[in-house]
Amino acid sequence: MPERKFLDCDGDTWTEHEPGMLRLTERADGSAMCVGSKASIEDVRDIHGPLTEVRPDVRAQVVADLRAKAARDWPGIGVFLEDIIGVVLGGVDGEPVEG
């Protein structure tokens, strides 16, 4: 199961390392102060304000995976692959799809 990531009100990144428990993994100001600290989700919310879950960009990962697979196993797919990637990124009619 992938680790979930959250941003607090200061822009610091917290990573869920076990259900309900977060670890400070990156400070918005780039400092290392308190990085590695652990706390419950509730405590982080109480101390650092509301949390926003950082959702991975699934489309970007699909594109990266397709390009890697093509480079390794599908020589000559070139233009066709880029057409497929265009649909992944922009939808069938060129309009981005939600989600």
Protein backbone atom coordinates (compact mmCIF):
# COMPACT_ATOMS: atom_id res chain seq x y z
CA MET A 1 0.00 0.00 0.00
CA PRO A 2 1.54 3.35 -1.01
CA GLU A 3 2.27 5.84 1.73
CA ARG A 4 -0.16 8.76 1.89
CA LYS A 5 1.31 12.25 2.08
CA PHE A 6 -0.18 15.37 3.65
CA LEU A 7 0.68 19.07 3.71
CA ASP A 8 0.09 21.10 6.86
CA CYS A 9 -0.74 24.82 6.98
CA ASP A 10 2.97 25.72 6.84
CA GLY A 11 3.50 23.64 3.69
CA ASP A 12 5.45 20.95 5.52
CA THR A 13 5.07 17.38 4.21
CA TRP A 14 3.95 14.57 6.51
CA THR A 15 3.95 10.91 5.41
CA GLU A 16 1.71 8.24 6.90
CA HIS A 17 4.15 5.51 7.93
CA GLU A 18 1.51 3.35 9.64
CA PRO A 19 -2.27 3.78 9.83
CA GLY A 20 -3.08 6.95 11.77
CA MET A 21 0.57 7.88 12.36
CA LEU A 22 2.52 10.54 10.47
CA ARG A 23 6.22 11.33 10.13
CA LEU A 24 7.48 14.77 9.17
CA THR A 25 9.40 14.08 5.96
CA GLU A 26 10.09 17.53 4.50
CA ARG A 27 9.99 21.10 5.75
CA ALA A 28 8.69 23.80 3.41
CA ASP A 29 11.61 26.06 4.34
CA GLY A 30 14.13 23.33 3.46
CA SER A 31 15.49 23.01 6.99
CA ALA A 32 15.96 19.66 8.70
CA MET A 33 14.55 20.82 12.03
CA CYS A 34 12.18 18.16 13.43
CA VAL A 35 12.27 16.12 10.20
CA GLY A 36 11.63 12.52 11.23
CA SER A 37 9.31 13.52 14.08
CA LYS A 38 6.33 11.22 14.50
CA ALA A 39 2.81 12.04 15.70
CA SER A 40 -0.76 10.88 15.26
CA ILE A 41 -2.84 12.47 12.50
CA GLU A 42 -5.04 14.05 15.19
CA ASP A 43 -2.05 15.62 16.97
CA VAL A 44 -0.63 16.99 13.72
CA ARG A 45 -4.04 18.52 12.88
CA ASP A 46 -4.34 20.04 16.36
CA ILE A 47 -0.83 21.52 16.33
CA HIS A 48 -0.30 22.37 12.64
CA GLY A 49 -3.85 23.03 11.44
CA PRO A 50 -5.90 21.27 8.76
CA LEU A 51 -4.08 18.77 6.55
CA THR A 52 -4.39 18.49 2.78
CA GLU A 53 -3.76 15.06 1.28
CA VAL A 54 -1.30 15.15 -1.60
CA ARG A 55 -2.68 12.97 -4.37
CA PRO A 56 -0.21 11.41 -6.79
CA ASP A 57 -0.50 12.44 -10.43
CA VAL A 58 -1.70 9.13 -11.84
CA ARG A 59 -1.69 10.32 -15.45
CA ALA A 60 1.96 11.37 -15.25
CA GLN A 61 2.88 7.96 -13.83
CA VAL A 62 0.98 6.17 -16.62
CA VAL A 63 2.83 8.26 -19.24
CA ALA A 64 6.20 7.52 -17.62
CA ASP A 65 5.38 3.80 -17.46
CA LEU A 66 4.25 3.73 -21.12
CA ARG A 67 7.40 5.48 -22.30
CA ALA A 68 9.63 3.15 -20.27
CA LYS A 69 7.81 0.05 -21.58
CA ALA A 70 8.03 1.32 -25.16
CA ALA A 71 11.74 2.07 -24.88
CA ARG A 72 12.38 -1.42 -23.51
CA ASP A 73 9.90 -3.65 -25.40
CA TRP A 74 8.16 -1.80 -28.23
CA PRO A 75 10.69 -0.36 -30.68
CA GLY A 76 9.11 1.60 -33.49
CA ILE A 77 5.87 2.48 -31.69
CA GLY A 78 6.88 6.20 -31.63
CA VAL A 79 4.07 8.33 -33.09
CA PHE A 80 1.34 5.86 -32.13
CA LEU A 81 2.54 5.89 -28.52
CA GLU A 82 2.50 9.70 -28.45
CA ASP A 83 -1.12 9.61 -29.74
CA ILE A 84 -2.02 7.29 -26.84
CA ILE A 85 -0.22 9.56 -24.39
CA GLY A 86 -2.17 12.52 -25.78
CA VAL A 87 -5.41 10.73 -24.94
CA VAL A 88 -4.15 9.84 -21.44
CA LEU A 89 -3.21 13.46 -20.74
CA GLY A 90 -5.92 15.30 -22.65
CA GLY A 91 -8.90 12.97 -22.92
CA VAL A 92 -10.43 11.64 -26.12
CA ASP A 93 -11.47 15.09 -27.37
CA GLY A 94 -8.37 16.90 -26.12
CA GLU A 95 -10.11 18.08 -22.96
CA PRO A 96 -8.54 16.99 -19.66
CA VAL A 97 -10.57 14.39 -17.80
CA GLU A 98 -11.25 14.85 -14.08
CA GLY A 99 -9.66 12.27 -11.74
